[in-house]
Protein backbone atom coordinates (compact mmCIF):
# COMPACT_ATOMS: atom_id res chain seq x y z
CA MET A 1 34.04 145.40 131.10
CA THR A 2 33.38 142.21 129.53
CA GLY A 3 35.75 140.01 127.70
CA ALA A 4 38.63 141.46 130.06
CA GLY A 5 41.37 139.32 128.77
CA GLY A 6 41.37 140.49 125.26
CA MET A 7 44.15 142.89 123.71
CA LEU A 8 42.00 145.77 123.34
CA ALA A 9 40.05 145.42 127.01
CA ARG A 10 43.46 145.25 128.79
CA ASP A 11 44.41 148.10 127.25
CA VAL A 12 40.90 150.18 128.03
CA LEU A 13 41.43 148.95 131.76
CA GLY A 14 45.11 150.00 131.91
CA ARG A 15 43.71 153.23 130.99
CA MET A 16 41.12 153.49 133.48
CA ALA A 17 43.58 152.17 136.60
CA ALA A 18 45.78 155.03 135.67
CA GLU A 19 43.06 157.52 135.84
CA GLY A 20 41.41 155.96 138.85
CA ILE A 21 38.28 155.10 137.50
CA PRO A 22 36.60 152.21 139.61
CA THR A 23 36.38 148.98 137.13
CA VAL A 24 35.00 145.69 137.45
CA ALA A 25 36.67 143.18 134.84
CA THR A 26 34.79 140.21 134.01
CA HIS A 27 35.98 137.29 131.95
CA ARG A 28 33.45 134.36 130.27
CA ALA A 29 33.93 132.20 133.77
CA ASP A 30 32.48 135.31 135.58
CA LEU A 31 29.98 136.86 133.19
CA ASP A 32 28.75 134.65 130.02
CA VAL A 33 27.28 137.37 128.07
CA THR A 34 25.12 134.72 126.05
CA ASP A 35 23.31 133.66 129.37
CA PRO A 36 20.32 135.68 130.60
CA ALA A 37 20.78 134.63 134.24
CA SER A 38 24.43 135.32 133.93
CA VAL A 39 23.86 138.65 132.65
CA ARG A 40 21.24 139.68 135.11
CA ALA A 41 22.95 138.29 138.23
CA ALA A 42 26.11 140.48 137.11
CA PHE A 43 24.23 143.53 136.84
CA ALA A 44 22.45 143.06 140.13
CA VAL A 45 25.71 142.68 142.03
CA HIS A 46 27.86 145.34 140.12
CA ARG A 47 25.08 148.07 138.81
CA PRO A 48 27.59 149.87 136.37
CA ALA A 49 27.30 153.03 135.26
CA VAL A 50 29.03 152.13 132.01
CA VAL A 51 29.50 148.90 130.41
CA VAL A 52 32.38 148.49 127.89
CA ASN A 53 31.63 145.23 125.98
CA CYS A 54 34.74 144.03 124.36
CA ALA A 55 33.14 140.37 124.56
CA ALA A 56 33.34 138.90 120.83
CA TRP A 57 33.58 135.83 118.46
CA THR A 58 36.41 137.25 116.66
CA ALA A 59 37.64 134.20 114.94
CA VAL A 60 36.59 135.09 111.51
CA ASP A 61 37.03 132.41 109.46
CA ASP A 62 35.73 130.00 112.19
CA ALA A 63 32.58 131.79 111.93
CA GLU A 64 31.70 130.89 108.73
CA ALA A 65 31.49 126.91 109.81
CA HIS A 66 29.82 128.01 113.44
CA GLU A 67 27.76 130.72 112.58
CA PRO A 68 25.00 129.95 115.18
CA GLU A 69 27.74 130.04 117.90
CA ALA A 70 29.30 133.43 116.56
CA LEU A 71 25.68 134.84 116.84
CA ALA A 72 25.17 134.00 120.11
CA VAL A 73 28.34 135.82 121.35
CA ASN A 74 28.05 138.72 118.64
CA GLY A 75 24.34 139.06 118.60
CA THR A 76 22.75 137.76 121.50
CA GLY A 77 25.53 138.77 123.95
CA PRO A 78 25.01 142.41 123.18
CA ARG A 79 21.48 142.49 123.13
CA LEU A 80 21.33 140.98 126.61
CA LEU A 81 23.82 143.58 127.56
CA ALA A 82 21.27 146.15 126.20
CA GLU A 83 18.61 144.96 128.02
CA ALA A 84 20.15 144.86 131.44
CA CYS A 85 21.63 148.64 130.78
CA ARG A 86 18.10 150.02 129.86
CA THR A 87 16.92 148.49 133.13
CA LEU A 88 19.60 150.50 134.94
CA GLY A 89 19.85 153.50 132.64
CA THR A 90 23.51 152.33 132.40
CA VAL A 91 25.48 153.63 129.14
CA LEU A 92 26.68 150.72 126.88
CA LEU A 93 29.94 150.99 124.72
CA HIS A 94 29.75 148.09 122.13
CA VAL A 95 32.87 147.37 120.05
CA SER A 96 32.21 146.46 116.73
CA THR A 97 33.94 145.90 113.33
CA ASP A 98 34.30 147.16 110.00
CA TYR A 99 33.45 143.68 108.66
CA VAL A 100 29.81 144.88 108.79
CA PHE A 101 30.22 146.96 105.38
CA ASP A 102 30.89 145.09 102.23
CA GLY A 103 34.48 146.63 101.46
CA SER A 104 33.49 148.02 98.06
CA ALA A 105 33.64 151.69 98.56
CA ARG A 106 36.37 153.73 97.36
CA THR A 107 35.66 156.63 100.02
CA PRO A 108 35.74 156.24 103.54
CA TYR A 109 32.76 154.71 104.69
CA PRO A 110 30.96 157.63 106.98
CA GLU A 111 29.27 156.49 110.37
CA ASP A 112 25.78 156.38 108.55
CA ALA A 113 26.55 154.29 105.61
CA PRO A 114 24.66 151.33 104.46
CA THR A 115 25.78 147.90 105.86
CA GLY A 116 26.38 145.04 103.71
CA PRO A 117 28.25 142.16 105.64
CA ARG A 118 29.62 139.37 103.28
CA SER A 119 30.89 136.77 106.06
CA ALA A 120 29.19 135.23 109.15
CA TYR A 121 31.41 137.45 111.31
CA GLY A 122 30.21 140.32 109.88
CA ARG A 123 26.57 139.52 110.01
CA THR A 124 26.82 138.50 113.43
CA LYS A 125 28.51 141.44 114.61
CA LEU A 126 25.69 143.65 112.79
CA VAL A 127 23.24 141.93 114.44
CA GLY A 128 24.81 142.78 117.88
CA GLU A 129 25.13 146.41 116.47
CA GLN A 130 21.36 146.83 115.58
CA ALA A 131 20.40 145.30 119.07
CA VAL A 132 22.02 148.10 120.92
CA LEU A 133 21.11 150.74 118.80
CA ARG A 134 17.44 149.58 118.70
CA ILE A 135 17.26 148.85 122.86
CA LEU A 136 19.29 152.03 123.74
CA PRO A 137 18.29 154.98 121.67
CA ASP A 138 19.86 157.36 123.96
CA THR A 139 22.55 155.66 125.92
CA GLY A 140 23.94 153.23 123.47
CA TYR A 141 27.33 153.62 121.66
CA VAL A 142 28.64 151.51 118.47
CA VAL A 143 32.12 151.74 118.06
CA ARG A 144 33.55 150.19 114.97
CA THR A 145 37.17 149.17 114.58
CA ALA A 146 39.42 147.16 112.38
CA TRP A 147 42.95 146.16 111.80
CA LEU A 148 44.04 146.33 115.24
CA TYR A 149 47.27 145.59 116.93
CA GLY A 150 48.91 146.13 120.59
CA ALA A 151 51.08 144.56 123.45
CA GLY A 152 48.94 141.95 124.39
CA GLY A 153 48.37 139.67 121.65
CA THR A 154 48.92 138.09 118.27
CA HIS A 155 48.26 140.71 115.16
CA PHE A 156 49.44 141.55 112.01
CA VAL A 157 52.29 143.84 113.18
CA ARG A 158 53.71 141.34 115.62
CA THR A 159 53.58 138.54 112.90
CA MET A 160 55.43 140.61 110.24
CA SER A 161 58.06 141.27 112.88
CA GLU A 162 58.54 137.54 113.51
CA LEU A 163 58.47 136.80 109.83
CA GLU A 164 61.38 139.27 109.40
CA GLY A 165 63.61 136.96 111.26
CA THR A 166 62.55 133.88 109.70
CA ARG A 167 62.14 134.46 106.09
CA ASP A 168 64.38 135.85 103.11
CA THR A 169 61.23 137.11 101.73
CA VAL A 170 57.30 137.52 102.80
CA GLU A 171 54.27 137.78 100.48
CA VAL A 172 51.34 140.01 101.52
CA VAL A 173 48.34 141.16 99.86
CA ALA A 174 48.41 144.52 98.69
CA ASP A 175 44.71 145.04 97.26
CA GLN A 176 43.21 145.24 100.62
CA GLN A 177 43.02 149.04 102.33
CA GLY A 178 42.48 149.41 105.99
CA GLN A 179 43.41 151.35 108.81
CA PRO A 180 46.26 149.88 111.34
CA THR A 181 44.63 150.88 114.89
CA TRP A 182 46.97 150.78 117.92
CA THR A 183 44.95 149.44 120.78
CA THR A 184 46.19 152.06 122.96
CA ASP A 185 44.90 154.89 120.90
CA LEU A 186 41.19 153.03 121.06
CA ALA A 187 41.31 152.52 124.66
CA ASP A 188 41.78 156.03 125.23
CA ARG A 189 38.71 157.14 122.81
CA LEU A 190 36.54 154.61 124.63
CA VAL A 191 37.30 156.19 127.83
CA LEU A 192 36.87 159.67 126.88
CA LEU A 193 33.79 158.41 125.26
CA GLY A 194 32.46 157.00 128.33
CA ARG A 195 32.80 160.09 130.24
CA ALA A 196 31.04 162.36 127.17
CA ALA A 197 28.46 159.74 127.56
CA LEU A 198 27.91 160.38 131.09
CA GLY A 199 28.05 164.06 131.02
CA GLY A 200 25.64 164.14 128.34
CA THR A 201 27.92 165.63 125.59
CA ALA A 202 28.43 162.44 123.17
CA PRO A 203 25.42 161.77 121.14
CA ALA A 204 24.44 157.98 121.10
CA GLY A 205 24.77 156.12 117.95
CA VAL A 206 28.19 154.99 115.82
CA TYR A 207 31.45 156.03 116.00
CA HIS A 208 34.39 154.74 113.91
CA GLY A 209 37.60 154.02 116.40
CA THR A 210 40.28 153.53 113.79
CA SER A 211 43.38 155.31 112.83
CA GLY A 212 43.84 158.42 110.16
CA GLY A 213 44.96 157.58 107.03
CA HIS A 214 44.90 154.30 105.55
CA THR A 215 47.43 151.81 103.79
CA SER A 216 47.50 148.50 102.55
CA TRP A 217 48.67 145.09 104.45
CA PHE A 218 51.76 144.86 101.80
CA GLU A 219 52.39 148.64 102.56
CA LEU A 220 52.17 147.96 106.58
CA ALA A 221 54.56 144.95 106.34
CA ARG A 222 57.15 147.22 104.49
CA GLU A 223 56.92 149.90 107.26
CA VAL A 224 57.31 147.23 109.64
CA PHE A 225 60.53 145.74 107.99
CA ARG A 226 62.00 149.34 107.99
CA MET A 227 61.25 149.94 111.49
CA LEU A 228 63.50 146.59 112.24
CA GLY A 229 66.02 148.29 110.13
CA ALA A 230 65.47 145.49 107.39
CA ASP A 231 65.26 146.13 103.57
CA PRO A 232 61.22 146.62 102.86
CA GLY A 233 62.05 145.04 99.25
CA ARG A 234 62.14 141.72 100.94
CA VAL A 235 58.13 142.17 101.46
CA ARG A 236 56.61 141.35 98.18
CA PRO A 237 52.93 142.12 96.83
CA THR A 238 50.75 139.65 96.08
CA THR A 239 46.67 139.50 95.90
CA SER A 240 43.86 138.26 98.03
CA ASP A 241 43.29 135.60 95.43
CA ALA A 242 46.85 134.19 96.83
CA PHE A 243 45.58 133.60 100.19
CA VAL A 244 41.86 131.98 99.84
CA ARG A 245 40.05 131.91 103.13
CA PRO A 246 36.50 130.98 104.32
CA ALA A 247 35.38 134.58 105.07
CA PRO A 248 35.99 136.81 102.56
CA ARG A 249 37.92 139.87 103.91
CA PRO A 250 36.52 143.51 102.66
CA ALA A 251 38.86 145.37 100.14
CA HIS A 252 38.30 148.37 101.30
CA SER A 253 38.05 149.00 105.35
CA VAL A 254 38.46 152.64 105.37
CA LEU A 255 36.42 154.36 107.72
CA GLY A 256 35.32 157.91 108.34
CA HIS A 257 35.73 159.98 111.93
CA ASP A 258 33.00 162.87 111.73
CA ARG A 259 31.35 162.02 114.62
CA TRP A 260 34.08 161.93 117.41
CA ARG A 261 34.13 165.86 116.75
CA VAL A 262 30.55 166.08 117.25
CA ALA A 263 31.33 164.63 120.60
CA GLY A 264 33.90 166.91 121.48
CA ILE A 265 36.66 164.26 120.68
CA GLU A 266 39.58 164.52 118.47
CA PRO A 267 39.65 161.45 116.11
CA ILE A 268 42.65 158.94 116.39
CA ARG A 269 45.53 160.33 114.97
CA ASP A 270 47.31 159.11 111.60
CA TRP A 271 48.61 155.30 111.84
CA ARG A 272 52.07 155.91 110.91
CA GLU A 273 52.25 158.22 114.15
CA ALA A 274 50.82 155.64 116.09
CA LEU A 275 52.66 152.86 114.77
CA THR A 276 56.02 154.70 115.11
CA GLU A 277 55.30 155.05 118.99
CA ALA A 278 53.92 151.81 119.31
CA PHE A 279 56.39 149.55 117.79
CA PRO A 280 58.80 148.88 120.88
CA SER A 281 55.95 147.49 122.74
CA VAL A 282 54.22 145.58 119.89
CA SER A 283 56.96 144.17 117.79
CA ARG A 284 58.97 141.27 118.45
CA GLY A 285 61.84 144.08 119.64
CA ARG A 286 65.57 144.34 118.49
């Protein structure tokens, strides 16, 4: 496991521990994925059967001004990991993003949809995807996700929960569609996919690890307020133009999930069902 300190990685590690799966969790101090010598040394010592790559440059806006640095983590890192995996015959599960798409679709993006990133972050993540799929045609798995929230990090659900207690009203963009995804649900699918890959029942390639259904940031914020027992009318809709950022956000980040069933794995459940279960652990609590 790379990037072991991240929100998703912590849930993956928790799931593996619960199932008694031997795991080595590495942080940047243990394994710098951008350094060939560091990668070679780690693989020589641990010789993993499966690698889950959660190491990433995730500062989307900062990547616009630091694309070479983001590319080192998001592009070079996956390539080096894939090359090391090829040497040992190791399965690589590489976590990627909806930002590889341009966001102009009006229906869910299938796993084989043409990519077209509009941001530095998306471009660098696409380079990583392409390296994994090229170097590991039979043992490389790219799992794209989006709109993550979980117990161990900063995210939209927690931010809205905190703002409910400090502001009379909150303005939230209503013109971006996506799939809020609980890291616990995605961690479950990553562990299942790793097992299926080792068992030869999951075809290598791209999978979309997001919740079923879709919503807007605005409607998600209203749902958070409802779950807190607050008036959802305090959430006011606005447009992306009101929150200009260095990196453009995809207007449509809704992904299709057909390949999970090919692997014999059910896709992640509807986002509302997941949020209802997750809310006590991912909100500020009341």
